[in-house]
C-alpha atoms as a PDB file:
ATOM      1  CA  UNK A   1      19.094 -21.159 -17.161  1.00  0.00           C
ATOM      2  CA  UNK A   2      20.324 -21.478 -13.573  1.00  0.00           C
ATOM      3  CA  UNK A   3      18.965 -18.024 -12.796  1.00  0.00           C
ATOM      4  CA  UNK A   4      15.570 -19.020 -14.239  1.00  0.00           C
ATOM      5  CA  UNK A   5      15.474 -22.226 -12.169  1.00  0.00           C
ATOM      6  CA  UNK A   6      16.389 -20.354  -8.978  1.00  0.00           C
ATOM      7  CA  UNK A   7      13.769 -17.687  -9.656  1.00  0.00           C
ATOM      8  CA  UNK A   8      11.141 -20.340 -10.366  1.00  0.00           C
ATOM      9  CA  UNK A   9      12.000 -22.193  -7.147  1.00  0.00           C
ATOM     10  CA  UNK A  10      11.835 -19.005  -5.081  1.00  0.00           C
ATOM     11  CA  UNK A  11       8.527 -17.976  -6.659  1.00  0.00           C
ATOM     12  CA  UNK A  12       7.020 -21.412  -6.099  1.00  0.00           C
ATOM     13  CA  UNK A  13       8.210 -21.489  -2.501  1.00  0.00           C
ATOM     14  CA  UNK A  14       6.657 -18.094  -1.778  1.00  0.00           C
ATOM     15  CA  UNK A  15       3.390 -18.979  -3.501  1.00  0.00           C
ATOM     16  CA  UNK A  16       2.696 -22.188  -1.555  1.00  0.00           C
ATOM     17  CA  UNK A  17       1.874 -25.835  -2.310  1.00  0.00           C
ATOM     18  CA  UNK A  18      -0.158 -25.391  -5.509  1.00  0.00           C
ATOM     19  CA  UNK A  19       2.659 -23.447  -7.118  1.00  0.00           C
ATOM     20  CA  UNK A  20       5.177 -25.999  -5.912  1.00  0.00           C
ATOM     21  CA  UNK A  21       3.152 -28.770  -7.489  1.00  0.00           C
ATOM     22  CA  UNK A  22       2.688 -26.768 -10.686  1.00  0.00           C
ATOM     23  CA  UNK A  23       6.402 -25.997 -10.940  1.00  0.00           C
ATOM     24  CA  UNK A  24       6.839 -29.693 -11.677  1.00  0.00           C
ATOM     25  CA  UNK A  25      10.136 -30.761 -13.126  1.00  0.00           C
ATOM     26  CA  UNK A  26      12.029 -27.625 -12.108  1.00  0.00           C
ATOM     27  CA  UNK A  27      11.715 -28.354  -8.386  1.00  0.00           C
ATOM     28  CA  UNK A  28      12.829 -31.630  -6.845  1.00  0.00           C
ATOM     29  CA  UNK A  29      10.320 -33.675  -4.867  1.00  0.00           C
ATOM     30  CA  UNK A  30      12.643 -33.551  -1.866  1.00  0.00           C
ATOM     31  CA  UNK A  31      12.546 -29.744  -1.927  1.00  0.00           C
ATOM     32  CA  UNK A  32       8.732 -29.693  -2.103  1.00  0.00           C
ATOM     33  CA  UNK A  33       8.531 -32.166   0.767  1.00  0.00           C
ATOM     34  CA  UNK A  34      10.997 -30.196   2.901  1.00  0.00           C
ATOM     35  CA  UNK A  35       9.123 -26.934   2.349  1.00  0.00           C
ATOM     36  CA  UNK A  36       5.750 -28.532   3.139  1.00  0.00           C
ATOM     37  CA  UNK A  37       7.193 -30.096   6.310  1.00  0.00           C
ATOM     38  CA  UNK A  38       8.760 -26.807   7.427  1.00  0.00           C
ATOM     39  CA  UNK A  39       5.422 -25.056   6.928  1.00  0.00           C
ATOM     40  CA  UNK A  40       3.647 -27.694   9.015  1.00  0.00           C
ATOM     41  CA  UNK A  41       1.507 -28.793   6.067  1.00  0.00           C
ATOM     42  CA  UNK A  42       2.573 -32.438   6.305  1.00  0.00           C
ATOM     43  CA  UNK A  43       3.681 -34.819   9.014  1.00  0.00           C
ATOM     44  CA  UNK A  44       7.150 -36.367   8.913  1.00  0.00           C
ATOM     45  CA  UNK A  45       7.416 -39.334   6.587  1.00  0.00           C
ATOM     46  CA  UNK A  46       9.118 -41.552   9.194  1.00  0.00           C
ATOM     47  CA  UNK A  47       6.103 -41.595  11.514  1.00  0.00           C
ATOM     48  CA  UNK A  48       3.575 -42.264   8.787  1.00  0.00           C
ATOM     49  CA  UNK A  49       5.795 -44.894   7.199  1.00  0.00           C
ATOM     50  CA  UNK A  50       6.069 -46.715  10.537  1.00  0.00           C
ATOM     51  CA  UNK A  51       2.282 -46.621  10.961  1.00  0.00           C
ATOM     52  CA  UNK A  52       1.685 -48.035   7.471  1.00  0.00           C
ATOM     53  CA  UNK A  53       4.168 -50.867   7.964  1.00  0.00           C
ATOM     54  CA  UNK A  54       2.681 -51.655  11.388  1.00  0.00           C
ATOM     55  CA  UNK A  55      -0.873 -51.750  10.006  1.00  0.00           C
ATOM     56  CA  UNK A  56      -0.384 -53.669   6.745  1.00  0.00           C
ATOM     57  CA  UNK A  57       1.502 -56.846   5.855  1.00  0.00           C
ATOM     58  CA  UNK A  58       4.400 -56.179   3.565  1.00  0.00           C
ATOM     59  CA  UNK A  59       7.420 -53.982   3.122  1.00  0.00           C
ATOM     60  CA  UNK A  60       7.246 -50.470   1.660  1.00  0.00           C
ATOM     61  CA  UNK A  61       9.185 -50.468  -1.606  1.00  0.00           C
ATOM     62  CA  UNK A  62       8.265 -47.019  -2.940  1.00  0.00           C
ATOM     63  CA  UNK A  63       6.998 -43.741  -1.505  1.00  0.00           C
ATOM     64  CA  UNK A  64       5.650 -40.641  -3.245  1.00  0.00           C
ATOM     65  CA  UNK A  65       4.384 -37.304  -1.987  1.00  0.00           C
ATOM     66  CA  UNK A  66       1.725 -35.712  -4.179  1.00  0.00           C
ATOM     67  CA  UNK A  67      -0.402 -32.581  -3.991  1.00  0.00           C
ATOM     68  CA  UNK A  68      -3.911 -33.303  -5.288  1.00  0.00           C
ATOM     69  CA  UNK A  69      -7.145 -31.392  -4.844  1.00  0.00           C
ATOM     70  CA  UNK A  70      -5.604 -29.083  -2.211  1.00  0.00           C
ATOM     71  CA  UNK A  71      -4.356 -32.061  -0.176  1.00  0.00           C
ATOM     72  CA  UNK A  72      -0.869 -33.486   0.365  1.00  0.00           C
ATOM     73  CA  UNK A  73      -0.947 -37.275  -0.024  1.00  0.00           C
ATOM     74  CA  UNK A  74       1.689 -39.880   0.732  1.00  0.00           C
ATOM     75  CA  UNK A  75       1.400 -42.885  -1.567  1.00  0.00           C
ATOM     76  CA  UNK A  76       3.131 -46.102  -0.531  1.00  0.00           C
ATOM     77  CA  UNK A  77       3.666 -49.250  -2.592  1.00  0.00           C
ATOM     78  CA  UNK A  78       3.979 -52.338  -0.428  1.00  0.00           C
ATOM     79  CA  UNK A  79       5.241 -55.791  -1.292  1.00  0.00           C
ATOM     80  CA  UNK A  80       3.570 -58.437   0.883  1.00  0.00           C
ATOM     81  CA  UNK A  81       4.670 -62.078   1.242  1.00  0.00           C
ATOM     82  CA  UNK A  82       2.171 -62.997  -1.506  1.00  0.00           C
ATOM     83  CA  UNK A  83       4.269 -61.006  -3.993  1.00  0.00           C
ATOM     84  CA  UNK A  84       1.375 -58.907  -5.347  1.00  0.00           C
ATOM     85  CA  UNK A  85       2.108 -55.197  -4.870  1.00  0.00           C
ATOM     86  CA  UNK A  86      -0.585 -52.927  -3.447  1.00  0.00           C
ATOM     87  CA  UNK A  87      -0.875 -49.201  -2.774  1.00  0.00           C
ATOM     88  CA  UNK A  88      -1.888 -47.257   0.290  1.00  0.00           C
ATOM     89  CA  UNK A  89      -2.699 -43.538   0.176  1.00  0.00           C
ATOM     90  CA  UNK A  90      -2.434 -41.493   3.364  1.00  0.00           C
ATOM     91  CA  UNK A  91      -3.362 -37.884   4.110  1.00  0.00           C
ATOM     92  CA  UNK A  92       0.080 -36.355   4.730  1.00  0.00           C
ATOM     93  CA  UNK A  93      -1.283 -33.698   7.096  1.00  0.00           C
ATOM     94  CA  UNK A  94      -3.318 -35.929   9.415  1.00  0.00           C
ATOM     95  CA  UNK A  95      -1.865 -39.405   8.852  1.00  0.00           C
ATOM     96  CA  UNK A  96      -5.370 -40.728   8.104  1.00  0.00           C
ATOM     97  CA  UNK A  97      -5.579 -43.654   5.650  1.00  0.00           C
ATOM     98  CA  UNK A  98      -7.465 -42.512   2.558  1.00  0.00           C
ATOM     99  CA  UNK A  99      -7.597 -45.576   0.345  1.00  0.00           C
ATOM    100  CA  UNK A 100      -5.948 -48.814  -0.634  1.00  0.00           C
ATOM    101  CA  UNK A 101      -5.600 -50.489  -3.993  1.00  0.00           C
ATOM    102  CA  UNK A 102      -4.696 -54.122  -4.587  1.00  0.00           C
ATOM    103  CA  UNK A 103      -4.457 -57.238  -2.405  1.00  0.00           C
ATOM    104  CA  UNK A 104      -4.259 -55.464   0.953  1.00  0.00           C
ATOM    105  CA  UNK A 105      -3.823 -57.555   4.101  1.00  0.00           C
ATOM    106  CA  UNK A 106      -3.914 -55.975   7.532  1.00  0.00           C
ATOM    107  CA  UNK A 107      -1.656 -57.282  10.247  1.00  0.00           C
ATOM    108  CA  UNK A 108      -3.418 -59.257  12.992  1.00  0.00           C
END
C-alpha cells in the first residue's frame, strides 16, 4: 500500500497539476500546493492572504487551493463583523480576484 501511494505521488508530481488534482485523496493538499509553488504555477499564499484581508472587511477563517479548468484558485472564507461568512476566489498564479460570494464589504 505504501509503495502504491509513493508511486502514485511520484507519477502525479511528474505529470503536472491535472494529475495532482486527479490523484485526490492519495496526495495531501499541502504537497500539491508545495509542488505548484516550486514550479512557479502559484504565488505564495502569505502575499495573497494579506491582499485579501487588506481589501475586504473580515478575518480569513478558511483557505483552500483548488485546480479547476486548468487554473489554480485560492478560495478564502471570511468572517466579517456582521457575522455572515462570504467567499473570495483568487487566481493563484496572478493574484487577481475572480469572484466573491456572500455579503462582501470592501475596506474603505
